[in-house]
Amino acid sequence: MKKYVCALCGYVYDPALGEPDDGIAPGTAFEDLPDTWTCPVCGASKDEFSKKDN
């Protein structure tokens, strides 16, 4: 699964880790996050994220 990076603050969503503090289980693909999910660092919406180049 690909990692995604926030264009505003640089936070990287890693699907292998999920976001347990937000109730997102490890193994949750970025595409499967709710549309209402926001960056846990800066609050940016999902559309501010892009695929991270390895």
PDB file of N, CA and C in Angstrom:
ATOM      1  N   MET A   1       0.837  -1.189   0.000  1.00  0.00           N
ATOM      2  CA  MET A   1       0.000   0.000   0.000  1.00  0.00           C
ATOM      3  C   MET A   1       0.877   1.246   0.000  1.00  0.00           C
ATOM      4  N   LYS A   2       0.432   2.218  -0.753  1.00  0.00           N
ATOM      5  CA  LYS A   2       1.188   3.467  -0.885  1.00  0.00           C
ATOM      6  C   LYS A   2       0.979   4.377   0.313  1.00  0.00           C
ATOM      7  N   LYS A   3       2.011   5.129   0.622  1.00  0.00           N
ATOM      8  CA  LYS A   3       1.933   6.171   1.645  1.00  0.00           C
ATOM      9  C   LYS A   3       1.480   7.459   0.966  1.00  0.00           C
ATOM     10  N   TYR A   4       0.836   8.317   1.741  1.00  0.00           N
ATOM     11  CA  TYR A   4       0.363   9.607   1.239  1.00  0.00           C
ATOM     12  C   TYR A   4       0.897  10.714   2.124  1.00  0.00           C
ATOM     13  N   VAL A   5       1.252  11.845   1.501  1.00  0.00           N
ATOM     14  CA  VAL A   5       1.834  12.964   2.235  1.00  0.00           C
ATOM     15  C   VAL A   5       0.926  14.190   2.132  1.00  0.00           C
ATOM     16  N   CYS A   6       0.797  14.892   3.252  1.00  0.00           N
ATOM     17  CA  CYS A   6       0.003  16.120   3.302  1.00  0.00           C
ATOM     18  C   CYS A   6       0.809  17.256   2.671  1.00  0.00           C
ATOM     19  N   ALA A   7       0.191  17.945   1.711  1.00  0.00           N
ATOM     20  CA  ALA A   7       0.863  19.042   1.023  1.00  0.00           C
ATOM     21  C   ALA A   7       1.059  20.256   1.926  1.00  0.00           C
ATOM     22  N   LEU A   8       0.272  20.361   2.982  1.00  0.00           N
ATOM     23  CA  LEU A   8       0.353  21.545   3.839  1.00  0.00           C
ATOM     24  C   LEU A   8       1.409  21.425   4.934  1.00  0.00           C
ATOM     25  N   CYS A   9       1.519  20.238   5.557  1.00  0.00           N
ATOM     26  CA  CYS A   9       2.441  20.128   6.688  1.00  0.00           C
ATOM     27  C   CYS A   9       3.488  19.033   6.553  1.00  0.00           C
ATOM     28  N   GLY A  10       3.340  18.149   5.562  1.00  0.00           N
ATOM     29  CA  GLY A  10       4.327  17.098   5.358  1.00  0.00           C
ATOM     30  C   GLY A  10       4.061  15.811   6.119  1.00  0.00           C
ATOM     31  N   TYR A  11       2.930  15.744   6.858  1.00  0.00           N
ATOM     32  CA  TYR A  11       2.579  14.509   7.565  1.00  0.00           C
ATOM     33  C   TYR A  11       2.425  13.383   6.556  1.00  0.00           C
ATOM     34  N   VAL A  12       2.929  12.199   6.899  1.00  0.00           N
ATOM     35  CA  VAL A  12       2.823  11.043   6.010  1.00  0.00           C
ATOM     36  C   VAL A  12       1.864  10.032   6.624  1.00  0.00           C
ATOM     37  N   TYR A  13       0.800   9.699   5.869  1.00  0.00           N
ATOM     38  CA  TYR A  13      -0.100   8.632   6.285  1.00  0.00           C
ATOM     39  C   TYR A  13       0.464   7.328   5.778  1.00  0.00           C
ATOM     40  N   ASP A  14       0.766   6.423   6.714  1.00  0.00           N
ATOM     41  CA  ASP A  14       1.297   5.103   6.383  1.00  0.00           C
ATOM     42  C   ASP A  14       0.213   4.076   6.678  1.00  0.00           C
ATOM     43  N   PRO A  15      -0.349   3.449   5.640  1.00  0.00           N
ATOM     44  CA  PRO A  15      -1.437   2.500   5.859  1.00  0.00           C
ATOM     45  C   PRO A  15      -1.036   1.311   6.729  1.00  0.00           C
ATOM     46  N   ALA A  16       0.235   0.958   6.741  1.00  0.00           N
ATOM     47  CA  ALA A  16       0.681  -0.150   7.584  1.00  0.00           C
ATOM     48  C   ALA A  16       0.511   0.178   9.065  1.00  0.00           C
ATOM     49  N   LEU A  17       0.593   1.469   9.399  1.00  0.00           N
ATOM     50  CA  LEU A  17       0.455   1.905  10.794  1.00  0.00           C
ATOM     51  C   LEU A  17      -0.957   2.359  11.120  1.00  0.00           C
ATOM     52  N   GLY A  18      -1.686   2.821  10.112  1.00  0.00           N
ATOM     53  CA  GLY A  18      -3.009   3.387  10.359  1.00  0.00           C
ATOM     54  C   GLY A  18      -2.884   4.676  11.160  1.00  0.00           C
ATOM     55  N   GLU A  19      -3.923   5.025  11.862  1.00  0.00           N
ATOM     56  CA  GLU A  19      -3.924   6.200  12.736  1.00  0.00           C
ATOM     57  C   GLU A  19      -4.767   5.836  13.959  1.00  0.00           C
ATOM     58  N   PRO A  20      -4.184   5.002  14.850  1.00  0.00           N
ATOM     59  CA  PRO A  20      -4.939   4.473  15.987  1.00  0.00           C
ATOM     60  C   PRO A  20      -5.592   5.539  16.863  1.00  0.00           C
ATOM     61  N   ASP A  21      -4.966   6.692  17.008  1.00  0.00           N
ATOM     62  CA  ASP A  21      -5.553   7.755  17.830  1.00  0.00           C
ATOM     63  C   ASP A  21      -6.857   8.277  17.240  1.00  0.00           C
ATOM     64  N   ASP A  22      -7.039   8.089  15.917  1.00  0.00           N
ATOM     65  CA  ASP A  22      -8.262   8.525  15.237  1.00  0.00           C
ATOM     66  C   ASP A  22      -9.193   7.349  14.943  1.00  0.00           C
ATOM     67  N   GLY A  23      -8.858   6.173  15.481  1.00  0.00           N
ATOM     68  CA  GLY A  23      -9.694   4.997  15.257  1.00  0.00           C
ATOM     69  C   GLY A  23      -9.489   4.336  13.910  1.00  0.00           C
ATOM     70  N   ILE A  24      -8.383   4.645  13.235  1.00  0.00           N
ATOM     71  CA  ILE A  24      -8.073   4.042  11.935  1.00  0.00           C
ATOM     72  C   ILE A  24      -7.106   2.882  12.169  1.00  0.00           C
ATOM     73  N   ALA A  25      -7.574   1.675  11.895  1.00  0.00           N
ATOM     74  CA  ALA A  25      -6.794   0.471  12.169  1.00  0.00           C
ATOM     75  C   ALA A  25      -5.614   0.330  11.210  1.00  0.00           C
ATOM     76  N   PRO A  26      -4.517  -0.281  11.683  1.00  0.00           N
ATOM     77  CA  PRO A  26      -3.412  -0.601  10.776  1.00  0.00           C
ATOM     78  C   PRO A  26      -3.924  -1.443   9.607  1.00  0.00           C
ATOM     79  N   GLY A  27      -3.387  -1.191   8.435  1.00  0.00           N
ATOM     80  CA  GLY A  27      -3.807  -1.910   7.236  1.00  0.00           C
ATOM     81  C   GLY A  27      -4.908  -1.199   6.459  1.00  0.00           C
ATOM     82  N   THR A  28      -5.340  -0.026   6.931  1.00  0.00           N
ATOM     83  CA  THR A  28      -6.390   0.728   6.244  1.00  0.00           C
ATOM     84  C   THR A  28      -5.779   1.558   5.117  1.00  0.00           C
ATOM     85  N   ALA A  29      -6.168   1.248   3.894  1.00  0.00           N
ATOM     86  CA  ALA A  29      -5.668   1.995   2.738  1.00  0.00           C
ATOM     87  C   ALA A  29      -6.172   3.431   2.791  1.00  0.00           C
ATOM     88  N   PHE A  30      -5.390   4.340   2.237  1.00  0.00           N
ATOM     89  CA  PHE A  30      -5.780   5.751   2.214  1.00  0.00           C
ATOM     90  C   PHE A  30      -7.147   5.928   1.549  1.00  0.00           C
ATOM     91  N   GLU A  31      -7.371   5.190   0.474  1.00  0.00           N
ATOM     92  CA  GLU A  31      -8.628   5.283  -0.263  1.00  0.00           C
ATOM     93  C   GLU A  31      -9.825   4.870   0.593  1.00  0.00           C
ATOM     94  N   ASP A  32      -9.579   4.051   1.613  1.00  0.00           N
ATOM     95  CA  ASP A  32     -10.652   3.557   2.477  1.00  0.00           C
ATOM     96  C   ASP A  32     -10.912   4.445   3.684  1.00  0.00           C
ATOM     97  N   LEU A  33     -10.112   5.495   3.851  1.00  0.00           N
ATOM     98  CA  LEU A  33     -10.371   6.430   4.947  1.00  0.00           C
ATOM     99  C   LEU A  33     -11.677   7.165   4.667  1.00  0.00           C
ATOM    100  N   PRO A  34     -12.442   7.500   5.714  1.00  0.00           N
ATOM    101  CA  PRO A  34     -13.681   8.252   5.484  1.00  0.00           C
ATOM    102  C   PRO A  34     -13.386   9.591   4.811  1.00  0.00           C
ATOM    103  N   ASP A  35     -14.316  10.076   4.019  1.00  0.00           N
ATOM    104  CA  ASP A  35     -14.138  11.367   3.345  1.00  0.00           C
ATOM    105  C   ASP A  35     -13.989  12.503   4.344  1.00  0.00           C
ATOM    106  N   THR A  36     -14.465  12.299   5.549  1.00  0.00           N
ATOM    107  CA  THR A  36     -14.396  13.332   6.584  1.00  0.00           C
ATOM    108  C   THR A  36     -13.070  13.305   7.350  1.00  0.00           C
ATOM    109  N   TRP A  37     -12.214  12.308   7.054  1.00  0.00           N
ATOM    110  CA  TRP A  37     -10.923  12.201   7.748  1.00  0.00           C
ATOM    111  C   TRP A  37     -10.067  13.414   7.405  1.00  0.00           C
ATOM    112  N   THR A  38      -9.349  13.914   8.393  1.00  0.00           N
ATOM    113  CA  THR A  38      -8.448  15.045   8.175  1.00  0.00           C
ATOM    114  C   THR A  38      -7.075  14.727   8.724  1.00  0.00           C
ATOM    115  N   CYS A  39      -6.093  15.459   8.264  1.00  0.00           N
ATOM    116  CA  CYS A  39      -4.719  15.307   8.724  1.00  0.00           C
ATOM    117  C   CYS A  39      -4.685  15.489  10.246  1.00  0.00           C
ATOM    118  N   PRO A  40      -4.087  14.548  10.966  1.00  0.00           N
ATOM    119  CA  PRO A  40      -4.047  14.668  12.420  1.00  0.00           C
ATOM    120  C   PRO A  40      -3.110  15.767  12.919  1.00  0.00           C
ATOM    121  N   VAL A  41      -2.280  16.302  12.050  1.00  0.00           N
ATOM    122  CA  VAL A  41      -1.339  17.348  12.447  1.00  0.00           C
ATOM    123  C   VAL A  41      -1.913  18.741  12.186  1.00  0.00           C
ATOM    124  N   CYS A  42      -2.396  18.960  10.941  1.00  0.00           N
ATOM    125  CA  CYS A  42      -2.821  20.319  10.590  1.00  0.00           C
ATOM    126  C   CYS A  42      -4.303  20.449  10.248  1.00  0.00           C
ATOM    127  N   GLY A  43      -5.012  19.323  10.153  1.00  0.00           N
ATOM    128  CA  GLY A  43      -6.441  19.377   9.879  1.00  0.00           C
ATOM    129  C   GLY A  43      -6.807  19.476   8.410  1.00  0.00           C
ATOM    130  N   ALA A  44      -5.838  19.311   7.512  1.00  0.00           N
ATOM    131  CA  ALA A  44      -6.115  19.380   6.072  1.00  0.00           C
ATOM    132  C   ALA A  44      -7.020  18.223   5.651  1.00  0.00           C
ATOM    133  N   SER A  45      -7.830  18.456   4.632  1.00  0.00           N
ATOM    134  CA  SER A  45      -8.720  17.415   4.136  1.00  0.00           C
ATOM    135  C   SER A  45      -7.945  16.411   3.281  1.00  0.00           C
ATOM    136  N   LYS A  46      -8.606  15.284   2.985  1.00  0.00           N
ATOM    137  CA  LYS A  46      -7.961  14.224   2.202  1.00  0.00           C
ATOM    138  C   LYS A  46      -7.474  14.712   0.843  1.00  0.00           C
ATOM    139  N   ASP A  47      -8.166  15.696   0.257  1.00  0.00           N
ATOM    140  CA  ASP A  47      -7.766  16.143  -1.082  1.00  0.00           C
ATOM    141  C   ASP A  47      -6.472  16.949  -1.081  1.00  0.00           C
ATOM    142  N   GLU A  48      -5.935  17.238   0.096  1.00  0.00           N
ATOM    143  CA  GLU A  48      -4.637  17.914   0.205  1.00  0.00           C
ATOM    144  C   GLU A  48      -3.475  16.916   0.240  1.00  0.00           C
ATOM    145  N   PHE A  49      -3.783  15.623   0.162  1.00  0.00           N
ATOM    146  CA  PHE A  49      -2.765  14.576   0.201  1.00  0.00           C
ATOM    147  C   PHE A  49      -2.452  14.079  -1.187  1.00  0.00           C
ATOM    148  N   SER A  50      -1.220  13.643  -1.385  1.00  0.00           N
ATOM    149  CA  SER A  50      -0.826  13.021  -2.648  1.00  0.00           C
ATOM    150  C   SER A  50       0.047  11.820  -2.354  1.00  0.00           C
ATOM    151  N   LYS A  51       0.121  10.916  -3.334  1.00  0.00           N
ATOM    152  CA  LYS A  51       0.956   9.724  -3.170  1.00  0.00           C
ATOM    153  C   LYS A  51       2.389  10.141  -2.933  1.00  0.00           C
ATOM    154  N   LYS A  52       3.008   9.448  -1.990  1.00  0.00           N
ATOM    155  CA  LYS A  52       4.406   9.741  -1.653  1.00  0.00           C
ATOM    156  C   LYS A  52       5.315   8.899  -2.524  1.00  0.00           C
ATOM    157  N   ASP A  53       6.290   9.534  -3.141  1.00  0.00           N
ATOM    158  CA  ASP A  53       7.308   8.791  -3.874  1.00  0.00           C
ATOM    159  C   ASP A  53       8.236   8.136  -2.868  1.00  0.00           C
ATOM    160  N   ASN A  54       8.603   6.903  -3.163  1.00  0.00           N
ATOM    161  CA  ASN A  54       9.482   6.184  -2.220  1.00  0.00           C
ATOM    162  C   ASN A  54      10.773   6.836  -2.194  1.00  0.00           C
TER     163      ASN A  54
END
